[in-house]
Amino acid sequence: MINVTPFSQIITKLDRIKFLKLVKEKQTDKHQKSYDFGRI
């Protein structure tokens, strides 16, 4: 059984390229230890 959260429903609608561009531009991942982008 897959648990679909509201957050996961929202992030599936995001354009991954634009999202990654904003992350790089704003340096919001500066202190991030890990994240699985394969699940977006």
Protein backbone atom coordinates (compact mmCIF):
# COMPACT_ATOMS: atom_id res chain seq x y z
CA MET A 1 0.00 0.00 0.00
CA ILE A 2 1.33 3.42 -0.97
CA ASN A 3 0.77 6.35 1.38
CA VAL A 4 0.08 9.46 -0.74
CA THR A 5 0.46 12.58 1.36
CA PRO A 6 -0.77 16.06 0.39
CA PHE A 7 2.87 17.18 0.23
CA SER A 8 3.75 14.42 -2.24
CA GLN A 9 0.76 15.38 -4.39
CA ILE A 10 1.95 19.00 -4.48
CA ILE A 11 5.57 18.25 -5.35
CA THR A 12 4.58 15.94 -8.20
CA LYS A 13 3.07 18.99 -9.91
CA LEU A 14 6.32 20.96 -9.78
CA ASP A 15 8.53 21.34 -12.83
CA ARG A 16 11.74 19.62 -11.68
CA ILE A 17 14.02 21.76 -13.88
CA LYS A 18 12.56 25.02 -12.55
CA PHE A 19 12.67 23.68 -9.01
CA LEU A 20 16.35 22.72 -9.24
CA LYS A 21 17.16 26.08 -10.86
CA LEU A 22 15.51 27.94 -7.96
CA VAL A 23 17.30 25.77 -5.40
CA LYS A 24 20.65 26.56 -7.02
CA GLU A 25 19.85 30.26 -7.45
CA LYS A 26 18.66 30.75 -3.86
CA GLN A 27 21.17 28.28 -2.38
CA THR A 28 18.42 26.75 -0.28
CA ASP A 29 20.22 23.41 -0.17
CA LYS A 30 23.44 24.87 1.29
CA HIS A 31 23.11 22.93 4.57
CA GLN A 32 21.04 20.04 3.28
CA LYS A 33 22.60 16.65 4.06
CA SER A 34 20.62 14.53 1.59
CA TYR A 35 17.47 14.31 -0.48
CA ASP A 36 16.22 11.69 -2.88
CA PHE A 37 15.35 13.57 -6.09
CA GLY A 38 14.38 10.28 -7.68
CA ARG A 39 11.15 10.35 -5.68
CA ILE A 40 9.98 13.72 -7.02
